[in-house]
Amino acid sequence: MSIGTVVQVNVSAGGVPKLPVAEGLVGETGIAGDGHNNTEHHGGPERALCLYALERILALQSEGHAIAPGTAGENLTLSGLDWDQFVPGVRLRLGEAVLVEVTGYTTPCYKIEASFSDGDFNRIHHATHSGWSRVYARVLSGGLLRPGDPVEVLVGQPAS
């Protein structure tokens, strides 16, 4: 079992950056008040939340990139977890009530190119840089989330 922390809860009316909020009400389709400009590729029950690791953001910053929490479009910036465990099928408990399941890796888009010194947003593409991608998750049980809430990895590896 692995325990981490919600560092930041991020929302926007659509697009990036997603900005920090004091708390977010998580439901089946994501965080209340969060919108998407392109619903063909973002949002919906299978992509209700986008998650990313603060440790990956800090490592990218050390490479010279301008990325920061929320600038890559993640709803939840998490810390203190082994990001390599975040594969499809893994379940997480966030705070007291929220339960989510990772559904897949996100495909980065040109809208986040400002987060990268050379504009190469594919620096966080799973196909070319395994382990550096953000992930999407479906919400199995909703509730209120705040920065500082615990994150528990309930399933280390999905059943095969």
Protein backbone atom coordinates (compact mmCIF):
# COMPACT_ATOMS: atom_id res chain seq x y z
CA MET A 1 0.00 0.00 0.00
CA SER A 2 1.28 3.41 -0.96
CA ILE A 3 0.15 6.71 0.59
CA GLY A 4 0.61 10.11 -1.04
CA THR A 5 -1.02 13.53 -1.00
CA VAL A 6 -3.25 15.69 -3.16
CA VAL A 7 -1.01 18.73 -3.74
CA GLN A 8 -3.38 20.74 -5.91
CA VAL A 9 -6.95 20.54 -7.24
CA ASN A 10 -7.15 22.27 -10.65
CA VAL A 11 -10.05 23.41 -12.82
CA SER A 12 -10.74 25.70 -15.77
CA ALA A 13 -13.79 26.69 -17.78
CA GLY A 14 -11.98 24.99 -20.69
CA GLY A 15 -8.40 24.73 -21.84
CA VAL A 16 -5.14 25.27 -20.01
CA PRO A 17 -3.84 26.16 -17.61
CA LYS A 18 -6.13 24.62 -15.06
CA LEU A 19 -5.96 26.79 -11.96
CA PRO A 20 -5.86 25.74 -8.30
CA VAL A 21 -9.02 25.80 -6.20
CA ALA A 22 -9.47 25.36 -2.43
CA GLU A 23 -11.65 22.29 -2.94
CA GLY A 24 -13.37 20.34 -5.67
CA LEU A 25 -16.56 18.30 -5.69
CA VAL A 26 -15.79 15.16 -7.68
CA GLY A 27 -18.61 13.42 -9.54
CA GLU A 28 -18.98 10.88 -12.33
CA THR A 29 -17.85 13.31 -15.03
CA GLY A 30 -15.09 15.05 -13.06
CA ILE A 31 -14.76 18.10 -10.83
CA ALA A 32 -17.69 20.50 -10.62
CA GLY A 33 -16.88 23.68 -12.55
CA ASP A 34 -14.24 22.07 -14.76
CA GLY A 35 -14.86 22.32 -18.49
CA HIS A 36 -13.35 21.10 -21.74
CA ASN A 37 -13.03 22.92 -25.04
CA ASN A 38 -12.64 19.66 -26.96
CA THR A 39 -15.05 17.01 -25.71
CA GLU A 40 -14.00 14.57 -28.43
CA HIS A 41 -10.63 14.08 -26.70
CA HIS A 42 -11.28 15.26 -23.12
CA GLY A 43 -13.84 14.59 -20.43
CA GLY A 44 -16.62 12.04 -20.17
CA PRO A 45 -16.87 9.17 -17.69
CA GLU A 46 -13.73 7.33 -18.88
CA ARG A 47 -11.66 10.54 -18.78
CA ALA A 48 -13.37 12.24 -15.86
CA LEU A 49 -10.12 13.20 -14.14
CA CYS A 50 -6.60 13.84 -15.37
CA LEU A 51 -3.89 13.05 -12.80
CA TYR A 52 -0.21 13.95 -12.72
CA ALA A 53 2.70 13.64 -10.31
CA LEU A 54 4.40 16.64 -8.75
CA GLU A 55 7.67 14.68 -8.87
CA ARG A 56 7.42 14.40 -12.68
CA ILE A 57 6.66 18.14 -12.94
CA LEU A 58 9.71 18.99 -10.79
CA ALA A 59 11.94 16.67 -12.86
CA LEU A 60 10.72 18.36 -16.05
CA GLN A 61 11.42 21.77 -14.51
CA SER A 62 14.97 20.62 -13.77
CA GLU A 63 15.32 19.89 -17.51
CA GLY A 64 14.47 23.55 -18.14
CA HIS A 65 10.77 23.25 -18.96
CA ALA A 66 8.23 25.87 -17.81
CA ILE A 67 5.71 23.24 -16.67
CA ALA A 68 3.99 23.81 -13.31
CA PRO A 69 1.03 22.22 -11.52
CA GLY A 70 -2.05 22.70 -13.71
CA THR A 71 -0.25 23.89 -16.85
CA ALA A 72 -0.37 20.44 -18.44
CA GLY A 73 -4.13 20.32 -17.85
CA GLU A 74 -4.25 17.91 -14.95
CA ASN A 75 -7.13 18.13 -12.49
CA LEU A 76 -5.19 16.61 -9.62
CA THR A 77 -1.52 17.12 -8.91
CA LEU A 78 -0.39 14.30 -6.61
CA SER A 79 2.80 13.73 -4.62
CA GLY A 80 4.58 10.99 -2.70
CA LEU A 81 3.59 8.05 -4.91
CA ASP A 82 5.43 5.75 -7.31
CA TRP A 83 4.16 7.16 -10.61
CA ASP A 84 5.23 3.99 -12.42
CA GLN A 85 2.34 2.21 -10.60
CA PHE A 86 -0.19 4.45 -12.37
CA VAL A 87 -1.25 2.05 -15.09
CA PRO A 88 -4.74 1.23 -16.40
CA GLY A 89 -6.73 -0.72 -13.82
CA VAL A 90 -5.07 0.74 -10.72
CA ARG A 91 -7.53 2.09 -8.15
CA LEU A 92 -6.95 5.00 -5.80
CA ARG A 93 -8.75 6.38 -2.77
CA LEU A 94 -8.52 10.18 -2.68
CA GLY A 95 -9.47 11.88 0.55
CA GLU A 96 -12.22 10.22 2.59
CA ALA A 97 -14.71 9.31 -0.11
CA VAL A 98 -13.38 9.55 -3.66
CA LEU A 99 -12.52 6.28 -5.40
CA VAL A 100 -11.10 6.31 -8.94
CA GLU A 101 -9.68 3.84 -11.44
CA VAL A 102 -6.96 4.70 -13.95
CA THR A 103 -8.36 4.13 -17.46
CA GLY A 104 -5.39 5.07 -19.64
CA TYR A 105 -2.56 7.37 -20.53
CA THR A 106 -3.31 10.83 -21.89
CA THR A 107 -2.12 11.90 -25.30
CA PRO A 108 -0.52 15.32 -25.02
CA CYS A 109 -1.72 18.09 -27.31
CA TYR A 110 -0.24 21.27 -28.76
CA LYS A 111 -2.27 23.33 -26.26
CA ILE A 112 0.33 22.51 -23.58
CA GLU A 113 3.39 23.34 -25.70
CA ALA A 114 4.06 26.50 -23.63
CA SER A 115 4.96 24.18 -20.73
CA PHE A 116 7.97 22.89 -22.67
CA SER A 117 11.11 24.89 -23.42
CA ASP A 118 11.34 23.56 -26.97
CA GLY A 119 7.56 23.31 -27.46
CA ASP A 120 7.89 19.52 -27.60
CA PHE A 121 4.79 18.52 -25.65
CA ASN A 122 5.48 14.91 -26.65
CA ARG A 123 8.07 14.90 -23.84
CA ILE A 124 5.19 13.50 -21.74
CA HIS A 125 3.79 11.10 -24.37
CA HIS A 126 3.58 7.54 -23.03
CA ALA A 127 4.59 5.96 -26.36
CA THR A 128 7.92 7.80 -26.49
CA HIS A 129 8.60 8.49 -22.78
CA SER A 130 7.02 5.66 -20.79
CA GLY A 131 6.28 6.67 -17.21
CA TRP A 132 6.11 10.41 -17.93
CA SER A 133 2.50 10.64 -19.11
CA ARG A 134 -0.44 12.05 -17.24
CA VAL A 135 -3.25 9.51 -16.73
CA TYR A 136 -7.01 9.58 -17.05
CA ALA A 137 -9.29 8.08 -14.43
CA ARG A 138 -12.96 7.19 -14.08
CA VAL A 139 -14.77 8.08 -10.87
CA LEU A 140 -16.21 5.09 -9.03
CA SER A 141 -17.29 7.07 -5.97
CA GLY A 142 -17.41 10.85 -5.71
CA GLY A 143 -16.93 13.36 -2.92
CA LEU A 144 -15.10 16.47 -1.84
CA LEU A 145 -11.32 16.81 -2.37
CA ARG A 146 -8.92 19.37 -0.96
CA PRO A 147 -5.17 19.94 -1.17
CA GLY A 148 -3.53 17.97 1.63
CA ASP A 149 -5.96 15.05 1.38
CA PRO A 150 -4.34 11.60 1.41
CA VAL A 151 -4.06 9.44 -1.70
CA GLU A 152 -3.93 5.68 -1.25
CA VAL A 153 -3.05 3.23 -4.02
CA LEU A 154 -5.50 0.35 -3.43
CA VAL A 155 -4.36 -1.89 -6.25
CA GLY A 156 -0.65 -1.86 -7.09
CA GLN A 157 -1.05 -3.70 -10.39
CA PRO A 158 -4.21 -4.52 -12.30
CA ALA A 159 -5.31 -8.13 -12.71
CA SER A 160 -4.16 -9.60 -16.02
